[in-house]
Amino acid sequence: MTTSGRHIEREVKFWVRDLARIRQRLEEEGARLVQPRGHEFNLRFDTPDRALARQHRVLRLRQDRGATLTYKGPGDPRAVVAAREEIEVPIGDFAAARRLLEALGYQVVLEYEKYRTVYAWGATQVMLDETPLGAFVEIEGPAVDEIRAVAAALNLRWEHRLTASYAALFERLRGRLTPAPRHLTFAALRPHQPLPPDWLPVPPADAAA
């Protein structure tokens, strides 16, 4: 959604047990596959004194089918879904962009990865994410009502939604792991599998009531 020239990202996550069933439901409802399953690798940058984190801002460099530099502003803690300003710029050279950011004084504070499949459904996008933390469905759209309607159509329990980023969820988990992994990668979390069953504040959104 664009407000006064600013793009506001509105999204919500659901932790799920059965991602294949969600994919089947999307295809039955006529959702359009816009990005086949692909690997994403992300670098999150900050200053040495973590100024961006203190201001709840994000500077991220992503490599998937291309490379993208992303800025995210502070979120609104009162929002029903995650809502924050987002600016994305396509980058031709991932390695060169990293060198540029590091030359400006930024440093990598987190590496994280996932496999993502993207469907378009009306005005929303539905992301099926396979992460080191588990399987998640992320729904992004211009308005809360549209996001909520898609969640209901996918039989996802709205009261079990998550508005935290993957980085924030990882920080929640790290305190329960010994030794605590530095990065959110499949290799880093492999020794800690299976994860503690109650590490998230909500149960799977596709679980029976």
N, C-alpha and C. Protein backbone atom coordinates (compact mmCIF):
# COMPACT_ATOMS: atom_id res chain seq x y z
N MET A 1 0.85 -1.19 0.00
CA MET A 1 0.00 0.00 0.00
C MET A 1 0.88 1.24 0.00
N THR A 2 0.52 2.25 -0.80
CA THR A 2 1.28 3.48 -0.86
C THR A 2 0.50 4.59 -0.19
N THR A 3 1.13 5.29 0.76
CA THR A 3 0.50 6.39 1.47
C THR A 3 1.40 7.60 1.36
N SER A 4 0.89 8.68 0.68
CA SER A 4 1.67 9.91 0.51
C SER A 4 3.06 9.62 -0.06
N GLY A 5 3.11 8.74 -1.07
CA GLY A 5 4.38 8.42 -1.71
C GLY A 5 5.19 7.37 -0.99
N ARG A 6 4.72 6.85 0.14
CA ARG A 6 5.44 5.86 0.92
C ARG A 6 4.74 4.51 0.77
N HIS A 7 5.53 3.47 0.55
CA HIS A 7 4.97 2.13 0.48
C HIS A 7 4.94 1.53 1.88
N ILE A 8 3.74 1.17 2.32
CA ILE A 8 3.58 0.55 3.63
C ILE A 8 3.34 -0.94 3.43
N GLU A 9 4.25 -1.75 3.93
CA GLU A 9 4.12 -3.20 3.85
C GLU A 9 3.20 -3.67 4.99
N ARG A 10 2.17 -4.43 4.64
CA ARG A 10 1.26 -5.00 5.65
C ARG A 10 1.26 -6.51 5.46
N GLU A 11 1.61 -7.20 6.53
CA GLU A 11 1.73 -8.65 6.40
C GLU A 11 1.53 -9.32 7.75
N VAL A 12 1.29 -10.61 7.69
CA VAL A 12 1.14 -11.41 8.89
C VAL A 12 1.66 -12.81 8.59
N LYS A 13 2.16 -13.48 9.62
CA LYS A 13 2.70 -14.84 9.47
C LYS A 13 1.84 -15.82 10.25
N PHE A 14 1.88 -17.07 9.78
CA PHE A 14 1.25 -18.18 10.50
C PHE A 14 2.23 -19.35 10.50
N TRP A 15 2.51 -19.88 11.65
CA TRP A 15 3.29 -21.12 11.76
C TRP A 15 2.35 -22.27 11.45
N VAL A 16 2.76 -23.17 10.56
CA VAL A 16 1.88 -24.26 10.14
C VAL A 16 2.62 -25.59 10.20
N ARG A 17 1.85 -26.66 10.29
CA ARG A 17 2.39 -28.01 10.28
C ARG A 17 2.45 -28.59 8.87
N ASP A 18 1.45 -28.25 8.04
CA ASP A 18 1.29 -28.91 6.75
C ASP A 18 1.28 -27.89 5.62
N LEU A 19 2.46 -27.54 5.13
CA LEU A 19 2.57 -26.56 4.07
C LEU A 19 2.01 -27.09 2.75
N ALA A 20 2.10 -28.40 2.54
CA ALA A 20 1.59 -28.99 1.30
C ALA A 20 0.07 -28.82 1.21
N ARG A 21 -0.60 -28.91 2.33
CA ARG A 21 -2.06 -28.74 2.32
C ARG A 21 -2.43 -27.30 2.00
N ILE A 22 -1.66 -26.35 2.49
CA ILE A 22 -1.91 -24.94 2.17
C ILE A 22 -1.71 -24.71 0.68
N ARG A 23 -0.65 -25.29 0.12
CA ARG A 23 -0.39 -25.16 -1.32
C ARG A 23 -1.54 -25.75 -2.13
N GLN A 24 -2.03 -26.89 -1.71
CA GLN A 24 -3.16 -27.52 -2.40
C GLN A 24 -4.40 -26.62 -2.35
N ARG A 25 -4.64 -26.03 -1.20
CA ARG A 25 -5.80 -25.15 -1.05
C ARG A 25 -5.67 -23.92 -1.95
N LEU A 26 -4.50 -23.36 -2.04
CA LEU A 26 -4.28 -22.20 -2.91
C LEU A 26 -4.59 -22.55 -4.36
N GLU A 27 -4.12 -23.69 -4.79
CA GLU A 27 -4.34 -24.08 -6.18
C GLU A 27 -5.80 -24.40 -6.45
N GLU A 28 -6.48 -25.00 -5.47
CA GLU A 28 -7.92 -25.27 -5.63
C GLU A 28 -8.72 -23.98 -5.76
N GLU A 29 -8.26 -22.92 -5.08
CA GLU A 29 -8.98 -21.64 -5.10
C GLU A 29 -8.58 -20.76 -6.27
N GLY A 30 -7.65 -21.24 -7.10
CA GLY A 30 -7.29 -20.49 -8.29
C GLY A 30 -6.20 -19.45 -8.08
N ALA A 31 -5.49 -19.53 -6.97
CA ALA A 31 -4.36 -18.62 -6.77
C ALA A 31 -3.31 -18.86 -7.85
N ARG A 32 -2.62 -17.81 -8.26
CA ARG A 32 -1.67 -17.89 -9.36
C ARG A 32 -0.24 -17.98 -8.83
N LEU A 33 0.48 -19.00 -9.27
CA LEU A 33 1.88 -19.14 -8.89
C LEU A 33 2.70 -18.07 -9.61
N VAL A 34 3.34 -17.19 -8.85
CA VAL A 34 4.14 -16.12 -9.46
C VAL A 34 5.63 -16.30 -9.21
N GLN A 35 5.98 -17.13 -8.25
CA GLN A 35 7.39 -17.41 -8.00
C GLN A 35 7.54 -18.85 -7.53
N PRO A 36 8.03 -19.73 -8.37
CA PRO A 36 8.24 -21.12 -7.95
C PRO A 36 9.22 -21.19 -6.78
N ARG A 37 9.21 -22.32 -6.11
CA ARG A 37 10.06 -22.51 -4.94
C ARG A 37 11.51 -22.19 -5.27
N GLY A 38 12.09 -21.33 -4.46
CA GLY A 38 13.47 -20.92 -4.68
C GLY A 38 14.14 -20.57 -3.37
N HIS A 39 15.45 -20.60 -3.38
CA HIS A 39 16.24 -20.33 -2.17
C HIS A 39 16.50 -18.84 -2.05
N GLU A 40 16.40 -18.33 -0.82
CA GLU A 40 16.73 -16.95 -0.51
C GLU A 40 17.83 -16.92 0.54
N PHE A 41 18.81 -16.05 0.34
CA PHE A 41 19.86 -15.83 1.32
C PHE A 41 19.89 -14.35 1.65
N ASN A 42 19.84 -14.03 2.94
CA ASN A 42 19.72 -12.65 3.38
C ASN A 42 20.86 -12.26 4.31
N LEU A 43 21.32 -11.03 4.16
CA LEU A 43 22.27 -10.43 5.08
C LEU A 43 21.62 -9.20 5.70
N ARG A 44 21.59 -9.17 7.01
CA ARG A 44 21.06 -8.01 7.72
C ARG A 44 22.22 -7.19 8.25
N PHE A 45 22.20 -5.88 7.95
CA PHE A 45 23.30 -5.00 8.30
C PHE A 45 22.91 -4.04 9.43
N ASP A 46 23.91 -3.60 10.17
CA ASP A 46 23.71 -2.59 11.19
C ASP A 46 25.04 -1.89 11.43
N THR A 47 25.02 -0.82 12.18
CA THR A 47 26.24 -0.14 12.59
C THR A 47 26.88 -0.91 13.74
N PRO A 48 28.15 -0.67 14.04
CA PRO A 48 28.79 -1.39 15.15
C PRO A 48 28.07 -1.22 16.48
N ASP A 49 27.40 -0.08 16.69
CA ASP A 49 26.68 0.14 17.95
C ASP A 49 25.20 -0.22 17.86
N ARG A 50 24.81 -0.91 16.78
CA ARG A 50 23.43 -1.39 16.58
C ARG A 50 22.40 -0.26 16.58
N ALA A 51 22.75 0.83 15.94
CA ALA A 51 21.85 1.98 15.90
C ALA A 51 20.54 1.66 15.19
N LEU A 52 20.60 0.91 14.09
CA LEU A 52 19.37 0.58 13.37
C LEU A 52 18.44 -0.28 14.22
N ALA A 53 18.99 -1.26 14.91
CA ALA A 53 18.17 -2.12 15.76
C ALA A 53 17.50 -1.31 16.87
N ARG A 54 18.23 -0.37 17.46
CA ARG A 54 17.64 0.45 18.53
C ARG A 54 16.49 1.29 18.00
N GLN A 55 16.58 1.67 16.73
CA GLN A 55 15.51 2.49 16.12
C GLN A 55 14.44 1.63 15.44
N HIS A 56 14.57 0.30 15.56
CA HIS A 56 13.63 -0.65 14.95
C HIS A 56 13.57 -0.49 13.43
N ARG A 57 14.76 -0.27 12.84
CA ARG A 57 14.88 -0.16 11.40
C ARG A 57 15.70 -1.34 10.87
N VAL A 58 15.49 -1.66 9.61
CA VAL A 58 16.16 -2.82 9.01
C VAL A 58 16.83 -2.41 7.71
N LEU A 59 18.05 -2.87 7.53
CA LEU A 59 18.78 -2.72 6.26
C LEU A 59 19.22 -4.12 5.85
N ARG A 60 18.68 -4.59 4.73
CA ARG A 60 18.86 -5.99 4.34
C ARG A 60 19.28 -6.11 2.88
N LEU A 61 20.17 -7.05 2.63
CA LEU A 61 20.58 -7.39 1.27
C LEU A 61 20.17 -8.84 1.02
N ARG A 62 19.40 -9.06 -0.03
CA ARG A 62 18.86 -10.39 -0.31
C ARG A 62 19.33 -10.90 -1.66
N GLN A 63 19.66 -12.19 -1.70
CA GLN A 63 20.01 -12.86 -2.95
C GLN A 63 19.02 -13.99 -3.18
N ASP A 64 18.26 -13.92 -4.27
CA ASP A 64 17.44 -15.06 -4.70
C ASP A 64 17.64 -15.19 -6.20
N ARG A 65 16.62 -14.96 -7.00
CA ARG A 65 16.83 -14.99 -8.45
C ARG A 65 17.58 -13.75 -8.92
N GLY A 66 17.56 -12.73 -8.10
CA GLY A 66 18.33 -11.52 -8.32
C GLY A 66 18.86 -11.06 -6.98
N ALA A 67 19.16 -9.79 -6.88
CA ALA A 67 19.63 -9.23 -5.62
C ALA A 67 18.82 -7.97 -5.33
N THR A 68 18.45 -7.77 -4.06
CA THR A 68 17.61 -6.66 -3.67
C THR A 68 18.12 -6.05 -2.37
N LEU A 69 18.20 -4.72 -2.35
CA LEU A 69 18.53 -3.99 -1.13
C LEU A 69 17.22 -3.45 -0.56
N THR A 70 16.97 -3.70 0.72
CA THR A 70 15.71 -3.34 1.33
C THR A 70 15.93 -2.53 2.61
N TYR A 71 15.13 -1.48 2.74
CA TYR A 71 15.04 -0.73 4.00
C TYR A 71 13.63 -0.90 4.54
N LYS A 72 13.53 -1.14 5.85
CA LYS A 72 12.23 -1.20 6.51
C LYS A 72 12.25 -0.26 7.71
N GLY A 73 11.21 0.56 7.80
CA GLY A 73 11.11 1.49 8.91
C GLY A 73 10.52 0.84 10.14
N PRO A 74 10.40 1.61 11.22
CA PRO A 74 9.83 1.06 12.45
C PRO A 74 8.39 0.61 12.24
N GLY A 75 8.00 -0.48 12.88
CA GLY A 75 6.64 -0.96 12.79
C GLY A 75 5.73 -0.23 13.76
N ASP A 76 4.44 -0.39 13.53
CA ASP A 76 3.43 0.19 14.42
C ASP A 76 3.00 -0.88 15.41
N PRO A 77 3.37 -0.75 16.70
CA PRO A 77 3.02 -1.79 17.66
C PRO A 77 1.53 -1.95 17.90
N ARG A 78 0.73 -0.96 17.47
CA ARG A 78 -0.72 -1.03 17.67
C ARG A 78 -1.42 -1.76 16.52
N ALA A 79 -0.68 -2.04 15.46
CA ALA A 79 -1.29 -2.61 14.26
C ALA A 79 -1.72 -4.06 14.48
N VAL A 80 -2.81 -4.45 13.84
CA VAL A 80 -3.31 -5.82 13.91
C VAL A 80 -2.41 -6.76 13.13
N VAL A 81 -1.79 -6.25 12.08
CA VAL A 81 -0.80 -6.99 11.31
C VAL A 81 0.48 -6.16 11.32
N ALA A 82 1.60 -6.77 10.91
CA ALA A 82 2.85 -6.02 10.82
C ALA A 82 2.69 -4.96 9.74
N ALA A 83 2.98 -3.72 10.08
CA ALA A 83 2.83 -2.61 9.13
C ALA A 83 4.02 -1.69 9.28
N ARG A 84 4.78 -1.53 8.18
CA ARG A 84 5.97 -0.67 8.24
C ARG A 84 6.33 -0.19 6.85
N GLU A 85 6.98 0.96 6.79
CA GLU A 85 7.45 1.47 5.51
C GLU A 85 8.51 0.53 4.95
N GLU A 86 8.44 0.31 3.63
CA GLU A 86 9.41 -0.55 2.96
C GLU A 86 9.87 0.11 1.67
N ILE A 87 11.19 0.12 1.48
CA ILE A 87 11.78 0.61 0.23
C ILE A 87 12.69 -0.49 -0.30
N GLU A 88 12.44 -0.92 -1.54
CA GLU A 88 13.25 -1.98 -2.14
C GLU A 88 13.89 -1.47 -3.43
N VAL A 89 15.17 -1.81 -3.60
CA VAL A 89 15.92 -1.40 -4.79
C VAL A 89 16.60 -2.62 -5.39
N PRO A 90 16.29 -2.97 -6.65
CA PRO A 90 17.02 -4.07 -7.31
C PRO A 90 18.50 -3.74 -7.43
N ILE A 91 19.34 -4.73 -7.18
CA ILE A 91 20.79 -4.56 -7.23
C ILE A 91 21.36 -5.54 -8.25
N GLY A 92 22.24 -5.06 -9.10
CA GLY A 92 22.80 -5.93 -10.12
C GLY A 92 23.87 -6.88 -9.60
N ASP A 93 24.58 -6.50 -8.55
CA ASP A 93 25.73 -7.28 -8.09
C ASP A 93 25.67 -7.40 -6.56
N PHE A 94 25.30 -8.57 -6.07
CA PHE A 94 25.15 -8.80 -4.63
C PHE A 94 26.47 -8.55 -3.89
N ALA A 95 27.57 -9.13 -4.39
CA ALA A 95 28.86 -8.99 -3.72
C ALA A 95 29.32 -7.54 -3.68
N ALA A 96 29.11 -6.81 -4.78
CA ALA A 96 29.52 -5.41 -4.81
C ALA A 96 28.68 -4.58 -3.85
N ALA A 97 27.38 -4.88 -3.76
CA ALA A 97 26.51 -4.16 -2.83
C ALA A 97 26.95 -4.40 -1.39
N ARG A 98 27.37 -5.63 -1.09
CA ARG A 98 27.87 -5.92 0.26
C ARG A 98 29.13 -5.10 0.55
N ARG A 99 30.03 -5.06 -0.40
CA ARG A 99 31.26 -4.30 -0.19
C ARG A 99 30.96 -2.82 0.01
N LEU A 100 29.99 -2.30 -0.73
CA LEU A 100 29.61 -0.89 -0.59
C LEU A 100 29.08 -0.61 0.81
N LEU A 101 28.18 -1.44 1.30
CA LEU A 101 27.62 -1.24 2.63
C LEU A 101 28.69 -1.34 3.71
N GLU A 102 29.60 -2.30 3.55
CA GLU A 102 30.67 -2.44 4.53
C GLU A 102 31.64 -1.25 4.47
N ALA A 103 31.86 -0.70 3.28
CA ALA A 103 32.71 0.47 3.14
C ALA A 103 32.09 1.69 3.82
N LEU A 104 30.79 1.72 3.90
CA LEU A 104 30.08 2.82 4.56
C LEU A 104 30.02 2.64 6.08
N GLY A 105 30.56 1.53 6.57
CA GLY A 105 30.60 1.33 8.02
C GLY A 105 29.58 0.35 8.56
N TYR A 106 28.74 -0.20 7.68
CA TYR A 106 27.78 -1.20 8.14
C TYR A 106 28.46 -2.57 8.22
N GLN A 107 27.94 -3.42 9.08
CA GLN A 107 28.47 -4.77 9.19
C GLN A 107 27.34 -5.77 9.25
N VAL A 108 27.63 -7.00 8.83
CA VAL A 108 26.62 -8.05 8.85
C VAL A 108 26.39 -8.49 10.30
N VAL A 109 25.14 -8.41 10.74
CA VAL A 109 24.80 -8.84 12.10
C VAL A 109 23.99 -10.12 12.10
N LEU A 110 23.45 -10.49 10.94
CA LEU A 110 22.66 -11.73 10.86
C LEU A 110 22.64 -12.23 9.43
N GLU A 111 22.88 -13.53 9.27
CA GLU A 111 22.64 -14.23 8.01
C GLU A 111 21.42 -15.11 8.21
N TYR A 112 20.51 -15.11 7.25
CA TYR A 112 19.37 -16.03 7.36
C TYR A 112 18.90 -16.45 5.97
N GLU A 113 18.30 -17.61 5.94
CA GLU A 113 17.90 -18.19 4.65
C GLU A 113 16.55 -18.88 4.77
N LYS A 114 15.97 -19.13 3.62
CA LYS A 114 14.72 -19.88 3.56
C LYS A 114 14.47 -20.28 2.11
N TYR A 115 13.52 -21.20 1.94
CA TYR A 115 12.98 -21.52 0.62
C TYR A 115 11.59 -20.91 0.56
N ARG A 116 11.30 -20.20 -0.52
CA ARG A 116 10.03 -19.47 -0.60
C ARG A 116 9.34 -19.75 -1.93
N THR A 117 8.01 -19.96 -1.85
CA THR A 117 7.12 -20.07 -3.00
C THR A 117 6.08 -18.97 -2.87
N VAL A 118 5.77 -18.27 -3.95
CA VAL A 118 4.86 -17.13 -3.86
C VAL A 118 3.67 -17.32 -4.79
N TYR A 119 2.48 -17.11 -4.23
CA TYR A 119 1.23 -17.13 -4.99
C TYR A 119 0.57 -15.75 -4.92
N ALA A 120 -0.10 -15.35 -6.00
CA ALA A 120 -0.93 -14.15 -6.01
C ALA A 120 -2.38 -14.58 -5.89
N TRP A 121 -3.09 -13.95 -4.97
CA TRP A 121 -4.52 -14.26 -4.77
C TRP A 121 -5.25 -12.94 -4.60
N GLY A 122 -5.90 -12.50 -5.65
CA GLY A 122 -6.54 -11.19 -5.61
C GLY A 122 -5.48 -10.12 -5.42
N ALA A 123 -5.73 -9.25 -4.46
CA ALA A 123 -4.79 -8.16 -4.18
C ALA A 123 -3.68 -8.57 -3.21
N THR A 124 -3.70 -9.81 -2.78
CA THR A 124 -2.71 -10.26 -1.79
C THR A 124 -1.66 -11.16 -2.43
N GLN A 125 -0.57 -11.31 -1.72
CA GLN A 125 0.44 -12.31 -2.05
C GLN A 125 0.56 -13.27 -0.87
N VAL A 126 0.64 -14.54 -1.19
CA VAL A 126 0.77 -15.58 -0.16
C VAL A 126 2.11 -16.25 -0.36
N MET A 127 2.95 -16.19 0.67
CA MET A 127 4.28 -16.79 0.62
C MET A 127 4.30 -18.06 1.46
N LEU A 128 4.78 -19.13 0.87
CA LEU A 128 4.98 -20.40 1.58
C LEU A 128 6.47 -20.52 1.88
N ASP A 129 6.80 -20.44 3.14
CA ASP A 129 8.20 -20.35 3.55
C ASP A 129 8.65 -21.60 4.31
N GLU A 130 9.73 -22.18 3.84
CA GLU A 130 10.40 -23.29 4.55
C GLU A 130 11.66 -22.70 5.16
N THR A 131 11.68 -22.56 6.47
CA THR A 131 12.77 -21.88 7.17
C THR A 131 13.44 -22.82 8.16
N PRO A 132 14.61 -22.45 8.67
CA PRO A 132 15.21 -23.26 9.73
C PRO A 132 14.37 -23.31 10.99
N LEU A 133 13.41 -22.39 11.12
CA LEU A 133 12.51 -22.36 12.28
C LEU A 133 11.27 -23.22 12.09
N GLY A 134 11.04 -23.68 10.86
CA GLY A 134 9.85 -24.45 10.55
C GLY A 134 9.14 -23.88 9.34
N ALA A 135 7.90 -24.31 9.12
CA ALA A 135 7.11 -23.89 7.96
C ALA A 135 6.17 -22.75 8.36
N PHE A 136 6.12 -21.74 7.50
CA PHE A 136 5.29 -20.57 7.77
C PHE A 136 4.55 -20.15 6.50
N VAL A 137 3.38 -19.57 6.70
CA VAL A 137 2.64 -18.91 5.62
C VAL A 137 2.64 -17.43 5.93
N GLU A 138 3.06 -16.63 4.97
CA GLU A 138 3.05 -15.18 5.14
C GLU A 138 2.08 -14.60 4.12
N ILE A 139 1.19 -13.74 4.58
CA ILE A 139 0.20 -13.11 3.70
C ILE A 139 0.42 -11.61 3.73
N GLU A 140 0.63 -11.04 2.56
CA GLU A 140 0.86 -9.59 2.43
C GLU A 140 -0.24 -8.99 1.56
N GLY A 141 -0.78 -7.88 1.98
CA GLY A 141 -1.84 -7.25 1.20
C GLY A 141 -2.03 -5.80 1.56
N PRO A 142 -2.89 -5.09 0.83
CA PRO A 142 -3.06 -3.65 1.05
C PRO A 142 -3.89 -3.30 2.26
N ALA A 143 -4.69 -4.25 2.76
CA ALA A 143 -5.59 -3.94 3.87
C ALA A 143 -5.75 -5.17 4.76
N VAL A 144 -6.02 -4.90 6.04
CA VAL A 144 -6.17 -5.99 7.01
C VAL A 144 -7.32 -6.92 6.63
N ASP A 145 -8.44 -6.35 6.18
CA ASP A 145 -9.62 -7.18 5.85
C ASP A 145 -9.29 -8.19 4.76
N GLU A 146 -8.53 -7.76 3.76
CA GLU A 146 -8.17 -8.67 2.67
C GLU A 146 -7.22 -9.77 3.16
N ILE A 147 -6.28 -9.40 4.00
CA ILE A 147 -5.35 -10.38 4.55
C ILE A 147 -6.12 -11.40 5.40
N ARG A 148 -7.03 -10.90 6.20
CA ARG A 148 -7.80 -11.78 7.08
C ARG A 148 -8.70 -12.72 6.29
N ALA A 149 -9.28 -12.23 5.19
CA ALA A 149 -10.15 -13.07 4.36
C ALA A 149 -9.37 -14.21 3.73
N VAL A 150 -8.15 -13.95 3.28
CA VAL A 150 -7.32 -15.00 2.70
C VAL A 150 -6.95 -16.02 3.77
N ALA A 151 -6.60 -15.55 4.95
CA ALA A 151 -6.27 -16.46 6.05
C ALA A 151 -7.45 -17.38 6.36
N ALA A 152 -8.64 -16.82 6.37
CA ALA A 152 -9.84 -17.63 6.65
C ALA A 152 -10.07 -18.66 5.55
N ALA A 153 -9.86 -18.25 4.29
CA ALA A 153 -10.04 -19.18 3.17
C ALA A 153 -9.04 -20.32 3.21
N LEU A 154 -7.88 -20.08 3.83
CA LEU A 154 -6.86 -21.12 3.95
C LEU A 154 -6.99 -21.91 5.25
N ASN A 155 -8.08 -21.62 5.98
CA ASN A 155 -8.34 -22.31 7.25
C ASN A 155 -7.23 -22.10 8.28
N LEU A 156 -6.70 -20.87 8.29
CA LEU A 156 -5.67 -20.50 9.26
C LEU A 156 -6.33 -19.69 10.38
N ARG A 157 -6.08 -20.06 11.59
CA ARG A 157 -6.73 -19.41 12.73
C ARG A 157 -6.11 -18.04 12.98
N TRP A 158 -6.93 -17.01 12.84
CA TRP A 158 -6.46 -15.64 12.94
C TRP A 158 -5.83 -15.33 14.29
N GLU A 159 -6.37 -15.91 15.35
CA GLU A 159 -5.85 -15.64 16.69
C GLU A 159 -4.45 -16.22 16.89
N HIS A 160 -3.98 -17.06 15.95
CA HIS A 160 -2.65 -17.64 16.04
C HIS A 160 -1.66 -16.96 15.09
N ARG A 161 -1.99 -15.78 14.63
CA ARG A 161 -1.11 -15.05 13.72
C ARG A 161 0.12 -14.53 14.49
N LEU A 162 1.18 -14.27 13.71
CA LEU A 162 2.42 -13.71 14.23
C LEU A 162 2.74 -12.45 13.45
N THR A 163 3.16 -11.40 14.13
CA THR A 163 3.54 -10.17 13.45
C THR A 163 5.04 -9.91 13.53
N ALA A 164 5.77 -10.74 14.25
CA ALA A 164 7.22 -10.57 14.39
C ALA A 164 7.94 -11.02 13.12
N SER A 165 9.10 -10.44 12.88
CA SER A 165 9.94 -10.85 11.75
C SER A 165 10.61 -12.18 12.08
N TYR A 166 11.18 -12.82 11.05
CA TYR A 166 11.93 -14.05 11.30
C TYR A 166 13.14 -13.78 12.20
N ALA A 167 13.75 -12.62 12.05
CA ALA A 167 14.89 -12.28 12.90
C ALA A 167 14.45 -12.17 14.37
N ALA A 168 13.29 -11.56 14.60
CA ALA A 168 12.79 -11.44 15.97
C ALA A 168 12.40 -12.80 16.55
N LEU A 169 11.82 -13.66 15.73
CA LEU A 169 11.48 -15.00 16.19
C LEU A 169 12.76 -15.78 16.53
N PHE A 170 13.78 -15.60 15.72
CA PHE A 170 15.06 -16.26 15.97
C PHE A 170 15.65 -15.81 17.31
N GLU A 171 15.58 -14.53 17.59
CA GLU A 171 16.09 -14.02 18.87
C GLU A 171 15.33 -14.63 20.04
N ARG A 172 14.05 -14.84 19.87
CA ARG A 172 13.24 -15.48 20.92
C ARG A 172 13.73 -16.90 21.18
N LEU A 173 14.09 -17.60 20.10
CA LEU A 173 14.53 -18.99 20.21
C LEU A 173 15.95 -19.11 20.73
N ARG A 174 16.84 -18.21 20.32
CA ARG A 174 18.27 -18.35 20.63
C ARG A 174 18.53 -18.52 22.12
N GLY A 175 17.77 -17.83 22.94
CA GLY A 175 17.98 -17.90 24.38
C GLY A 175 17.72 -19.26 24.98
N ARG A 176 17.08 -20.13 24.21
CA ARG A 176 16.76 -21.47 24.71
C ARG A 176 17.69 -22.54 24.14
N LEU A 177 18.66 -22.11 23.32
CA LEU A 177 19.55 -23.08 22.68
C LEU A 177 20.96 -22.93 23.22
N THR A 178 21.63 -24.07 23.43
CA THR A 178 23.01 -24.08 23.91
C THR A 178 23.85 -25.02 23.05
N PRO A 179 24.92 -24.49 22.46
CA PRO A 179 25.28 -23.07 22.39
C PRO A 179 24.34 -22.31 21.46
N ALA A 180 24.16 -21.03 21.71
CA ALA A 180 23.23 -20.25 20.90
C ALA A 180 23.81 -20.02 19.51
N PRO A 181 23.09 -20.38 18.45
CA PRO A 181 23.60 -20.15 17.10
C PRO A 181 23.64 -18.66 16.78
N ARG A 182 24.60 -18.27 15.97
CA ARG A 182 24.74 -16.87 15.61
C ARG A 182 23.82 -16.50 14.46
N HIS A 183 23.64 -17.43 13.51
CA HIS A 183 22.89 -17.12 12.31
C HIS A 183 21.70 -18.07 12.14
N LEU A 184 20.72 -17.58 11.37
CA LEU A 184 19.49 -18.33 11.14
C LEU A 184 19.62 -19.08 9.81
N THR A 185 20.45 -20.11 9.83
CA THR A 185 20.66 -20.93 8.65
C THR A 185 20.31 -22.38 8.97
N PHE A 186 20.08 -23.16 7.94
CA PHE A 186 19.74 -24.57 8.15
C PHE A 186 20.90 -25.29 8.83
N ALA A 187 22.12 -24.98 8.43
CA ALA A 187 23.29 -25.65 9.02
C ALA A 187 23.43 -25.28 10.49
N ALA A 188 23.21 -24.02 10.85
CA ALA A 188 23.38 -23.57 12.23
C ALA A 188 22.35 -24.18 13.17
N LEU A 189 21.15 -24.41 12.67
CA LEU A 189 20.10 -24.94 13.55
C LEU A 189 19.97 -26.45 13.50
N ARG A 190 20.67 -27.08 12.56
CA ARG A 190 20.55 -28.54 12.44
C ARG A 190 20.89 -29.27 13.74
N PRO A 191 21.94 -28.88 14.48
CA PRO A 191 22.24 -29.59 15.73
C PRO A 191 21.17 -29.44 16.81
N HIS A 192 20.28 -28.45 16.64
CA HIS A 192 19.27 -28.17 17.67
C HIS A 192 17.90 -28.75 17.33
N GLN A 193 17.83 -29.49 16.23
CA GLN A 193 16.56 -30.11 15.84
C GLN A 193 16.33 -31.40 16.62
N PRO A 194 15.08 -31.70 16.99
CA PRO A 194 13.90 -30.83 16.84
C PRO A 194 13.94 -29.67 17.82
N LEU A 195 13.34 -28.56 17.42
CA LEU A 195 13.29 -27.38 18.28
C LEU A 195 12.35 -27.61 19.45
N PRO A 196 12.53 -26.88 20.55
CA PRO A 196 11.59 -27.01 21.68
C PRO A 196 10.16 -26.81 21.20
N PRO A 197 9.23 -27.67 21.59
CA PRO A 197 7.87 -27.60 21.03
C PRO A 197 7.09 -26.35 21.40
N ASP A 198 7.48 -25.67 22.47
CA ASP A 198 6.71 -24.52 22.94
C ASP A 198 7.49 -23.21 22.80
N TRP A 199 8.43 -23.15 21.86
CA TRP A 199 9.25 -21.95 21.76
C TRP A 199 8.49 -20.77 21.18
N LEU A 200 7.43 -21.03 20.41
CA LEU A 200 6.60 -19.95 19.89
C LEU A 200 5.44 -19.66 20.84
N PRO A 201 4.93 -18.43 20.86
CA PRO A 201 3.85 -18.08 21.78
C PRO A 201 2.48 -18.60 21.36
N VAL A 202 2.39 -19.18 20.16
CA VAL A 202 1.10 -19.68 19.66
C VAL A 202 1.30 -21.06 19.08
N PRO A 203 0.24 -21.87 19.02
CA PRO A 203 0.34 -23.18 18.36
C PRO A 203 0.24 -23.02 16.85
N PRO A 204 0.44 -24.10 16.10
CA PRO A 204 0.29 -24.00 14.64
C PRO A 204 -1.10 -23.51 14.26
N ALA A 205 -1.16 -22.61 13.28
CA ALA A 205 -2.43 -22.00 12.90
C ALA A 205 -3.32 -22.94 12.12
N ASP A 206 -2.75 -24.03 11.60
CA ASP A 206 -3.57 -25.00 10.86
C ASP A 206 -3.95 -26.20 11.72
N ALA A 207 -3.69 -26.12 13.03
CA ALA A 207 -4.07 -27.22 13.93
C ALA A 207 -5.57 -27.16 14.21
N ALA A 208 -6.17 -28.30 14.47
CA ALA A 208 -7.59 -28.35 14.78
C ALA A 208 -7.85 -27.63 16.10
N ALA A 209 -9.00 -26.97 16.18
CA ALA A 209 -9.36 -26.23 17.40
C ALA A 209 -9.55 -27.19 18.56
